[in-house]
PDB file of N, CA and C in Angstrom:
ATOM      1  N   MET A   1       8.369  15.802  21.561  1.00  0.00           N
ATOM      2  CA  MET A   1       7.705  16.678  20.373  1.00  0.00           C
ATOM      3  C   MET A   1       6.084  16.172  20.500  1.00  0.00           C
ATOM      4  N   LEU A   2       5.209  16.975  20.505  1.00  0.00           N
ATOM      5  CA  LEU A   2       3.705  16.861  20.300  1.00  0.00           C
ATOM      6  C   LEU A   2       3.481  16.966  18.798  1.00  0.00           C
ATOM      7  N   LEU A   3       2.623  15.872  18.343  1.00  0.00           N
ATOM      8  CA  LEU A   3       1.776  15.870  17.137  1.00  0.00           C
ATOM      9  C   LEU A   3       0.203  15.752  17.611  1.00  0.00           C
ATOM     10  N   ARG A   4      -0.362  16.362  16.957  1.00  0.00           N
ATOM     11  CA  ARG A   4      -1.782  16.908  17.367  1.00  0.00           C
ATOM     12  C   ARG A   4      -2.468  16.191  15.692  1.00  0.00           C
ATOM     13  N   PHE A   5      -3.487  15.227  15.525  1.00  0.00           N
ATOM     14  CA  PHE A   5      -3.878  14.634  14.761  1.00  0.00           C
ATOM     15  C   PHE A   5      -5.131  15.179  14.892  1.00  0.00           C
ATOM     16  N   SER A   6      -6.557  15.314  13.465  1.00  0.00           N
ATOM     17  CA  SER A   6      -7.431  15.300  13.815  1.00  0.00           C
ATOM     18  C   SER A   6      -8.204  13.864  13.470  1.00  0.00           C
ATOM     19  N   GLU A   7      -9.382  13.472  13.777  1.00  0.00           N
ATOM     20  CA  GLU A   7     -10.170  12.411  14.230  1.00  0.00           C
ATOM     21  C   GLU A   7      -9.268  11.593  12.915  1.00  0.00           C
ATOM     22  N   GLU A   8     -10.083  12.602  11.441  1.00  0.00           N
ATOM     23  CA  GLU A   8     -10.058  11.574  10.604  1.00  0.00           C
ATOM     24  C   GLU A   8      -8.186  11.335  10.191  1.00  0.00           C
ATOM     25  N   GLU A   9      -7.593  12.568  10.405  1.00  0.00           N
ATOM     26  CA  GLU A   9      -6.136  11.937   9.836  1.00  0.00           C
ATOM     27  C   GLU A   9      -5.399  10.699  10.815  1.00  0.00           C
ATOM     28  N   PHE A  10      -5.849  10.668  11.911  1.00  0.00           N
ATOM     29  CA  PHE A  10      -5.262   9.343  12.873  1.00  0.00           C
ATOM     30  C   PHE A  10      -5.985   8.263  12.564  1.00  0.00           C
ATOM     31  N   ALA A  11      -7.300   8.231  11.791  1.00  0.00           N
ATOM     32  CA  ALA A  11      -7.903   7.225  11.404  1.00  0.00           C
ATOM     33  C   ALA A  11      -6.930   6.782  10.504  1.00  0.00           C
ATOM     34  N   LEU A  12      -6.808   7.440   9.285  1.00  0.00           N
ATOM     35  CA  LEU A  12      -6.094   7.357   8.099  1.00  0.00           C
ATOM     36  C   LEU A  12      -4.594   6.780   8.569  1.00  0.00           C
ATOM     37  N   ALA A  13      -4.024   7.375   9.758  1.00  0.00           N
ATOM     38  CA  ALA A  13      -2.201   7.081   9.873  1.00  0.00           C
ATOM     39  C   ALA A  13      -2.574   5.518  10.637  1.00  0.00           C
ATOM     40  N   ARG A  14      -3.809   5.284  11.170  1.00  0.00           N
ATOM     41  CA  ARG A  14      -4.130   4.052  11.797  1.00  0.00           C
ATOM     42  C   ARG A  14      -3.944   2.869  10.800  1.00  0.00           C
ATOM     43  N   THR A  15      -4.795   3.209   9.782  1.00  0.00           N
ATOM     44  CA  THR A  15      -5.114   2.434   8.705  1.00  0.00           C
ATOM     45  C   THR A  15      -3.521   2.191   7.891  1.00  0.00           C
ATOM     46  N   ARG A  16      -2.828   3.296   7.896  1.00  0.00           N
ATOM     47  CA  ARG A  16      -1.745   2.824   7.038  1.00  0.00           C
ATOM     48  C   ARG A  16      -0.616   2.022   7.705  1.00  0.00           C
ATOM     49  N   ALA A  17      -0.893   2.330   9.553  1.00  0.00           N
ATOM     50  CA  ALA A  17       0.219   1.647   9.902  1.00  0.00           C
ATOM     51  C   ALA A  17      -0.354   0.335  10.007  1.00  0.00           C
ATOM     52  N   GLU A  18      -1.384  -0.208  10.151  1.00  0.00           N
ATOM     53  CA  GLU A  18      -1.889  -1.719  10.048  1.00  0.00           C
ATOM     54  C   GLU A  18      -1.649  -2.335   8.846  1.00  0.00           C
ATOM     55  N   LEU A  19      -1.980  -1.671   7.645  1.00  0.00           N
ATOM     56  CA  LEU A  19      -1.377  -2.094   6.145  1.00  0.00           C
ATOM     57  C   LEU A  19       0.212  -2.484   6.388  1.00  0.00           C
ATOM     58  N   ALA A  20       0.978  -1.765   7.315  1.00  0.00           N
ATOM     59  CA  ALA A  20       2.698  -1.789   7.244  1.00  0.00           C
ATOM     60  C   ALA A  20       2.743  -2.496   7.907  1.00  0.00           C
ATOM     61  N   GLY A  21       2.001  -3.094   9.118  1.00  0.00           N
ATOM     62  CA  GLY A  21       2.108  -3.953   9.980  1.00  0.00           C
ATOM     63  C   GLY A  21       3.120  -3.559  10.854  1.00  0.00           C
ATOM     64  N   LEU A  22       2.788  -2.157  11.404  1.00  0.00           N
ATOM     65  CA  LEU A  22       3.495  -1.151  12.635  1.00  0.00           C
ATOM     66  C   LEU A  22       2.644  -0.533  13.403  1.00  0.00           C
ATOM     67  N   ALA A  23       3.035  -0.135  14.470  1.00  0.00           N
ATOM     68  CA  ALA A  23       2.425   0.834  15.379  1.00  0.00           C
ATOM     69  C   ALA A  23       2.347   1.639  14.834  1.00  0.00           C
ATOM     70  N   VAL A  24       1.238   2.773  15.131  1.00  0.00           N
ATOM     71  CA  VAL A  24       0.996   3.904  14.473  1.00  0.00           C
ATOM     72  C   VAL A  24       2.456   4.826  14.987  1.00  0.00           C
ATOM     73  N   GLY A  25       2.540   4.913  16.006  1.00  0.00           N
ATOM     74  CA  GLY A  25       4.133   5.781  16.256  1.00  0.00           C
ATOM     75  C   GLY A  25       5.241   5.140  15.309  1.00  0.00           C
ATOM     76  N   ALA A  26       5.207   4.182  15.264  1.00  0.00           N
ATOM     77  CA  ALA A  26       6.583   3.340  14.426  1.00  0.00           C
ATOM     78  C   ALA A  26       6.212   3.944  13.071  1.00  0.00           C
ATOM     79  N   TRP A  27       5.023   3.576  12.211  1.00  0.00           N
ATOM     80  CA  TRP A  27       5.074   3.924  11.605  1.00  0.00           C
ATOM     81  C   TRP A  27       4.949   5.437  11.133  1.00  0.00           C
ATOM     82  N   ILE A  28       4.639   6.211  12.089  1.00  0.00           N
ATOM     83  CA  ILE A  28       4.785   7.799  11.668  1.00  0.00           C
ATOM     84  C   ILE A  28       6.238   7.869  12.056  1.00  0.00           C
ATOM     85  N   GLY A  29       7.515   7.563  12.500  1.00  0.00           N
ATOM     86  CA  GLY A  29       8.636   7.505  12.545  1.00  0.00           C
ATOM     87  C   GLY A  29       9.145   6.977  11.152  1.00  0.00           C
ATOM     88  N   GLU A  30       8.726   6.395  10.873  1.00  0.00           N
ATOM     89  CA  GLU A  30       9.546   5.403   9.497  1.00  0.00           C
ATOM     90  C   GLU A  30       9.135   6.542   8.393  1.00  0.00           C
ATOM     91  N   ALA A  31       7.906   7.077   8.463  1.00  0.00           N
ATOM     92  CA  ALA A  31       7.435   8.023   7.478  1.00  0.00           C
ATOM     93  C   ALA A  31       8.507   9.416   7.811  1.00  0.00           C
ATOM     94  N   VAL A  32       8.849  10.056   8.618  1.00  0.00           N
ATOM     95  CA  VAL A  32       9.495  11.054   9.160  1.00  0.00           C
ATOM     96  C   VAL A  32      10.862  10.971   8.252  1.00  0.00           C
ATOM     97  N   LEU A  33      11.449   9.407   8.645  1.00  0.00           N
ATOM     98  CA  LEU A  33      12.676   9.602   8.232  1.00  0.00           C
ATOM     99  C   LEU A  33      12.899   9.188   7.023  1.00  0.00           C
ATOM    100  N   ASP A  34      11.701   8.462   6.548  1.00  0.00           N
ATOM    101  CA  ASP A  34      11.837   8.455   4.572  1.00  0.00           C
ATOM    102  C   ASP A  34      11.381   9.670   4.165  1.00  0.00           C
ATOM    103  N   ALA A  35      11.027  10.999   4.887  1.00  0.00           N
ATOM    104  CA  ALA A  35      10.816  12.332   4.007  1.00  0.00           C
ATOM    105  C   ALA A  35      11.910  13.045   4.385  1.00  0.00           C
ATOM    106  N   ALA A  36      13.073  12.335   5.590  1.00  0.00           N
ATOM    107  CA  ALA A  36      14.109  13.119   5.832  1.00  0.00           C
ATOM    108  C   ALA A  36      15.123  12.482   4.792  1.00  0.00           C
ATOM    109  N   HIS A  37      14.972  11.689   4.129  1.00  0.00           N
ATOM    110  CA  HIS A  37      16.268  11.132   3.433  1.00  0.00           C
ATOM    111  C   HIS A  37      15.471  11.288   2.156  1.00  0.00           C
ATOM    112  N   GLY A  38      14.643  11.985   1.454  1.00  0.00           N
ATOM    113  CA  GLY A  38      14.265  12.302   0.368  1.00  0.00           C
ATOM    114  C   GLY A  38      13.587  11.248  -0.077  1.00  0.00           C
ATOM    115  N   GLU A  39      13.163  10.290   0.696  1.00  0.00           N
ATOM    116  CA  GLU A  39      12.111   9.107  -0.033  1.00  0.00           C
ATOM    117  C   GLU A  39      10.682   9.529   0.343  1.00  0.00           C
ATOM    118  N   HIS A  40       9.890   9.437  -0.789  1.00  0.00           N
ATOM    119  CA  HIS A  40       8.491  10.160  -0.673  1.00  0.00           C
ATOM    120  C   HIS A  40       7.547   8.704  -1.204  1.00  0.00           C
ATOM    121  N   ARG A  41       7.537   7.570  -0.392  1.00  0.00           N
ATOM    122  CA  ARG A  41       6.802   6.479  -1.236  1.00  0.00           C
ATOM    123  C   ARG A  41       5.078   6.672  -0.869  1.00  0.00           C
ATOM    124  N   ALA A  42       4.450   6.990  -1.924  1.00  0.00           N
ATOM    125  CA  ALA A  42       3.239   6.727  -1.867  1.00  0.00           C
ATOM    126  C   ALA A  42       2.413   5.745  -1.413  1.00  0.00           C
ATOM    127  N   VAL A  43       3.031   4.523  -1.765  1.00  0.00           N
ATOM    128  CA  VAL A  43       2.615   3.618  -1.638  1.00  0.00           C
ATOM    129  C   VAL A  43       3.983   2.612  -1.777  1.00  0.00           C
ATOM    130  N   GLY A  44       4.274   1.375  -0.957  1.00  0.00           N
ATOM    131  CA  GLY A  44       5.259   0.733  -0.957  1.00  0.00           C
ATOM    132  C   GLY A  44       4.939  -0.746  -1.183  1.00  0.00           C
ATOM    133  N   LEU A  45       5.700  -1.379  -1.695  1.00  0.00           N
ATOM    134  CA  LEU A  45       5.493  -2.697  -2.450  1.00  0.00           C
ATOM    135  C   LEU A  45       4.870  -3.682  -1.027  1.00  0.00           C
ATOM    136  N   PRO A  46       5.238  -3.682   0.130  1.00  0.00           N
ATOM    137  CA  PRO A  46       4.106  -4.435   1.160  1.00  0.00           C
ATOM    138  C   PRO A  46       2.615  -4.256   0.708  1.00  0.00           C
ATOM    139  N   ASP A  47       2.453  -2.709   0.840  1.00  0.00           N
ATOM    140  CA  ASP A  47       1.100  -2.224   0.387  1.00  0.00           C
ATOM    141  C   ASP A  47       0.323  -2.738  -0.840  1.00  0.00           C
ATOM    142  N   LEU A  48       0.769  -2.810  -2.043  1.00  0.00           N
ATOM    143  CA  LEU A  48       1.092  -3.436  -3.400  1.00  0.00           C
ATOM    144  C   LEU A  48       0.472  -4.716  -3.301  1.00  0.00           C
ATOM    145  N   LEU A  49       1.467  -5.713  -2.415  1.00  0.00           N
ATOM    146  CA  LEU A  49       1.375  -7.253  -2.450  1.00  0.00           C
ATOM    147  C   LEU A  49       0.130  -7.559  -1.812  1.00  0.00           C
ATOM    148  N   ARG A  50       0.102  -6.757  -0.657  1.00  0.00           N
ATOM    149  CA  ARG A  50      -1.853  -6.972   0.436  1.00  0.00           C
ATOM    150  C   ARG A  50      -3.025  -6.569  -0.761  1.00  0.00           C
ATOM    151  N   LEU A  51      -2.507  -5.884  -1.505  1.00  0.00           N
ATOM    152  CA  LEU A  51      -3.616  -5.502  -2.321  1.00  0.00           C
ATOM    153  C   LEU A  51      -3.940  -6.460  -3.556  1.00  0.00           C
ATOM    154  N   HIS A  52      -3.267  -6.624  -4.032  1.00  0.00           N
ATOM    155  CA  HIS A  52      -2.946  -7.958  -5.067  1.00  0.00           C
ATOM    156  C   HIS A  52      -4.048  -8.989  -4.546  1.00  0.00           C
ATOM    157  N   ALA A  53      -3.333 -10.122  -3.437  1.00  0.00           N
ATOM    158  CA  ALA A  53      -3.869 -10.576  -2.334  1.00  0.00           C
ATOM    159  C   ALA A  53      -5.350 -10.550  -2.298  1.00  0.00           C
ATOM    160  N   ASP A  54      -5.306  -9.131  -1.629  1.00  0.00           N
ATOM    161  CA  ASP A  54      -7.279  -9.123  -1.359  1.00  0.00           C
ATOM    162  C   ASP A  54      -7.749  -9.317  -2.839  1.00  0.00           C
ATOM    163  N   VAL A  55      -7.164  -8.699  -3.493  1.00  0.00           N
ATOM    164  CA  VAL A  55      -8.289  -8.506  -5.463  1.00  0.00           C
ATOM    165  C   VAL A  55      -7.999 -10.146  -5.734  1.00  0.00           C
ATOM    166  N   THR A  56      -6.901 -10.592  -5.416  1.00  0.00           N
ATOM    167  CA  THR A  56      -7.185 -12.047  -6.153  1.00  0.00           C
ATOM    168  C   THR A  56      -8.171 -13.035  -5.629  1.00  0.00           C
ATOM    169  N   LEU A  57      -8.305 -12.810  -4.324  1.00  0.00           N
ATOM    170  CA  LEU A  57      -9.695 -13.434  -3.176  1.00  0.00           C
ATOM    171  C   LEU A  57     -10.819 -12.535  -4.088  1.00  0.00           C
ATOM    172  N   VAL A  58     -10.834 -11.561  -4.014  1.00  0.00           N
ATOM    173  CA  VAL A  58     -12.055 -11.383  -4.478  1.00  0.00           C
ATOM    174  C   VAL A  58     -12.382 -11.889  -6.096  1.00  0.00           C
ATOM    175  N   ALA A  59     -11.542 -11.809  -7.015  1.00  0.00           N
ATOM    176  CA  ALA A  59     -11.347 -12.487  -8.293  1.00  0.00           C
ATOM    177  C   ALA A  59     -12.113 -13.649  -8.216  1.00  0.00           C
ATOM    178  N   GLY A  60     -11.654 -14.745  -7.182  1.00  0.00           N
ATOM    179  CA  GLY A  60     -11.913 -15.774  -6.967  1.00  0.00           C
ATOM    180  C   GLY A  60     -13.557 -15.855  -6.798  1.00  0.00           C
ATOM    181  N   LEU A  61     -14.282 -15.010  -6.459  1.00  0.00           N
ATOM    182  CA  LEU A  61     -15.137 -14.901  -5.693  1.00  0.00           C
ATOM    183  C   LEU A  61     -16.107 -14.555  -6.953  1.00  0.00           C
ATOM    184  N   LEU A  62     -15.736 -13.545  -7.765  1.00  0.00           N
ATOM    185  CA  LEU A  62     -16.331 -13.536  -8.814  1.00  0.00           C
ATOM    186  C   LEU A  62     -15.810 -14.064  -9.943  1.00  0.00           C
ATOM    187  N   ASP A  63     -15.303 -15.380  -9.996  1.00  0.00           N
ATOM    188  CA  ASP A  63     -14.955 -16.099 -11.112  1.00  0.00           C
ATOM    189  C   ASP A  63     -16.267 -16.120 -12.257  1.00  0.00           C
ATOM    190  N   ASN A  64     -17.360 -16.240 -12.213  1.00  0.00           N
ATOM    191  CA  ASN A  64     -18.279 -16.519 -12.886  1.00  0.00           C
ATOM    192  C   ASN A  64     -19.515 -15.349 -13.151  1.00  0.00           C
ATOM    193  N   SER A  65     -19.100 -14.301 -12.633  1.00  0.00           N
ATOM    194  CA  SER A  65     -19.350 -13.081 -12.695  1.00  0.00           C
ATOM    195  C   SER A  65     -19.304 -12.170 -14.063  1.00  0.00           C
ATOM    196  N   GLU A  66     -20.212 -11.105 -14.163  1.00  0.00           N
ATOM    197  CA  GLU A  66     -19.992  -9.726 -15.291  1.00  0.00           C
ATOM    198  C   GLU A  66     -19.098  -9.135 -14.624  1.00  0.00           C
ATOM    199  N   ARG A  67     -18.384  -8.966 -13.665  1.00  0.00           N
ATOM    200  CA  ARG A  67     -17.166  -8.422 -12.922  1.00  0.00           C
ATOM    201  C   ARG A  67     -16.089  -8.801 -13.315  1.00  0.00           C
ATOM    202  N   ALA A  68     -15.670 -10.413 -13.535  1.00  0.00           N
ATOM    203  CA  ALA A  68     -14.189 -10.935 -13.665  1.00  0.00           C
ATOM    204  C   ALA A  68     -13.256 -10.392 -14.584  1.00  0.00           C
ATOM    205  N   ASP A  69     -14.235  -9.567 -15.652  1.00  0.00           N
ATOM    206  CA  ASP A  69     -12.981  -8.694 -16.370  1.00  0.00           C
ATOM    207  C   ASP A  69     -12.568  -7.992 -15.725  1.00  0.00           C
ATOM    208  N   GLN A  70     -13.336  -6.870 -15.356  1.00  0.00           N
ATOM    209  CA  GLN A  70     -12.543  -6.030 -14.474  1.00  0.00           C
ATOM    210  C   GLN A  70     -11.595  -6.339 -13.261  1.00  0.00           C
ATOM    211  N   VAL A  71     -12.128  -7.500 -12.779  1.00  0.00           N
ATOM    212  CA  VAL A  71     -11.169  -8.019 -11.517  1.00  0.00           C
ATOM    213  C   VAL A  71      -9.862  -8.028 -12.395  1.00  0.00           C
ATOM    214  N   ALA A  72      -9.902  -8.670 -13.437  1.00  0.00           N
ATOM    215  CA  ALA A  72      -8.895  -9.534 -13.997  1.00  0.00           C
ATOM    216  C   ALA A  72      -8.086  -8.101 -14.536  1.00  0.00           C
ATOM    217  N   ASP A  73      -8.775  -7.025 -15.160  1.00  0.00           N
ATOM    218  CA  ASP A  73      -7.856  -5.924 -15.589  1.00  0.00           C
ATOM    219  C   ASP A  73      -7.314  -5.221 -14.432  1.00  0.00           C
ATOM    220  N   LEU A  74      -7.639  -4.933 -13.381  1.00  0.00           N
ATOM    221  CA  LEU A  74      -7.191  -4.791 -11.962  1.00  0.00           C
ATOM    222  C   LEU A  74      -6.322  -5.512 -11.548  1.00  0.00           C
ATOM    223  N   LEU A  75      -6.119  -6.710 -11.905  1.00  0.00           N
ATOM    224  CA  LEU A  75      -5.178  -7.513 -11.252  1.00  0.00           C
ATOM    225  C   LEU A  75      -3.663  -7.302 -12.408  1.00  0.00           C
ATOM    226  N   ARG A  76      -3.637  -7.408 -13.637  1.00  0.00           N
ATOM    227  CA  ARG A  76      -2.663  -6.863 -14.532  1.00  0.00           C
ATOM    228  C   ARG A  76      -2.216  -5.276 -14.493  1.00  0.00           C
ATOM    229  N   ARG A  77      -3.273  -4.718 -13.979  1.00  0.00           N
ATOM    230  CA  ARG A  77      -2.623  -3.240 -13.482  1.00  0.00           C
ATOM    231  C   ARG A  77      -2.275  -3.128 -12.249  1.00  0.00           C
ATOM    232  N   LEU A  78      -2.068  -3.839 -11.168  1.00  0.00           N
ATOM    233  CA  LEU A  78      -2.075  -3.988  -9.811  1.00  0.00           C
ATOM    234  C   LEU A  78      -0.242  -4.696 -10.194  1.00  0.00           C
ATOM    235  N   ASP A  79      -0.135  -5.920 -11.100  1.00  0.00           N
ATOM    236  CA  ASP A  79       1.120  -6.363 -11.246  1.00  0.00           C
ATOM    237  C   ASP A  79       1.966  -5.356 -11.953  1.00  0.00           C
ATOM    238  N   ARG A  80       1.616  -4.464 -12.492  1.00  0.00           N
ATOM    239  CA  ARG A  80       2.715  -3.359 -13.425  1.00  0.00           C
ATOM    240  C   ARG A  80       2.940  -2.870 -12.193  1.00  0.00           C
ATOM    241  N   ALA A  81       2.223  -2.371 -11.456  1.00  0.00           N
ATOM    242  CA  ALA A  81       2.259  -1.561 -10.349  1.00  0.00           C
ATOM    243  C   ALA A  81       3.612  -2.314  -9.179  1.00  0.00           C
ATOM    244  N   ILE A  82       3.565  -3.576  -9.052  1.00  0.00           N
ATOM    245  CA  ILE A  82       4.209  -4.299  -8.278  1.00  0.00           C
ATOM    246  C   ILE A  82       5.584  -4.261  -8.849  1.00  0.00           C
ATOM    247  N   ASP A  83       5.765  -4.732 -10.079  1.00  0.00           N
ATOM    248  CA  ASP A  83       6.670  -4.702 -11.356  1.00  0.00           C
ATOM    249  C   ASP A  83       7.847  -3.222 -11.296  1.00  0.00           C
ATOM    250  N   SER A  84       6.768  -2.379 -11.121  1.00  0.00           N
ATOM    251  CA  SER A  84       7.381  -0.785 -11.001  1.00  0.00           C
ATOM    252  C   SER A  84       8.364  -0.681  -9.520  1.00  0.00           C
ATOM    253  N   ALA A  85       7.490  -1.115  -8.343  1.00  0.00           N
ATOM    254  CA  ALA A  85       7.817  -0.754  -7.442  1.00  0.00           C
ATOM    255  C   ALA A  85       9.194  -1.806  -6.948  1.00  0.00           C
ATOM    256  N   VAL A  86       8.954  -2.944  -7.665  1.00  0.00           N
ATOM    257  CA  VAL A  86      10.179  -3.291  -7.645  1.00  0.00           C
ATOM    258  C   VAL A  86      11.741  -2.917  -8.336  1.00  0.00           C
ATOM    259  N   LEU A  87      11.429  -2.348  -9.531  1.00  0.00           N
ATOM    260  CA  LEU A  87      11.967  -1.852 -10.316  1.00  0.00           C
ATOM    261  C   LEU A  87      12.782  -1.003  -9.550  1.00  0.00           C
ATOM    262  N   ALA A  88      12.059  -0.164  -9.111  1.00  0.00           N
ATOM    263  CA  ALA A  88      11.920   1.453  -8.361  1.00  0.00           C
ATOM    264  C   ALA A  88      13.290   0.847  -7.116  1.00  0.00           C
ATOM    265  N   ALA A  89      13.194  -0.082  -6.085  1.00  0.00           N
ATOM    266  CA  ALA A  89      13.627  -0.758  -5.198  1.00  0.00           C
ATOM    267  C   ALA A  89      14.880  -1.006  -5.170  1.00  0.00           C
ATOM    268  N   GLY A  90      14.962  -1.821  -6.073  1.00  0.00           N
ATOM    269  CA  GLY A  90      16.087  -2.082  -6.849  1.00  0.00           C
ATOM    270  C   GLY A  90      17.197  -1.146  -7.783  1.00  0.00           C
ATOM    271  N   THR A  91      16.429   0.005  -7.929  1.00  0.00           N
ATOM    272  CA  THR A  91      17.937   1.316  -8.546  1.00  0.00           C
ATOM    273  C   THR A  91      17.933   2.385  -7.440  1.00  0.00           C
ATOM    274  N   ALA A  92      17.126   2.042  -6.095  1.00  0.00           N
ATOM    275  CA  ALA A  92      17.534   2.823  -5.142  1.00  0.00           C
ATOM    276  C   ALA A  92      18.419   2.422  -4.062  1.00  0.00           C
ATOM    277  N   ARG A  93      18.810   1.476  -4.655  1.00  0.00           N
ATOM    278  CA  ARG A  93      19.899   1.076  -3.549  1.00  0.00           C
ATOM    279  C   ARG A  93      21.353   1.091  -3.832  1.00  0.00           C
TER     280      ARG A  93
END
């Protein structure tokens, strides 16, 4: 099988693979198998946890700034998204 991607598409695939801790080919294979089994995960729990860690780091850097409230709100929204992902993963089993 031969797959062709534009530079932009491949860059996106590479970024998503890096976020998942996988090689590009492994990530594509996982995405294909998920789709074949009817699993359409736009964002996975590992993605959300990494993003949460990044935002927490930024929150520490902005602790006394005017944007601290916006970052705190973003963390609350991420917490809700993580809770939803965990709940969905539990019901999918």
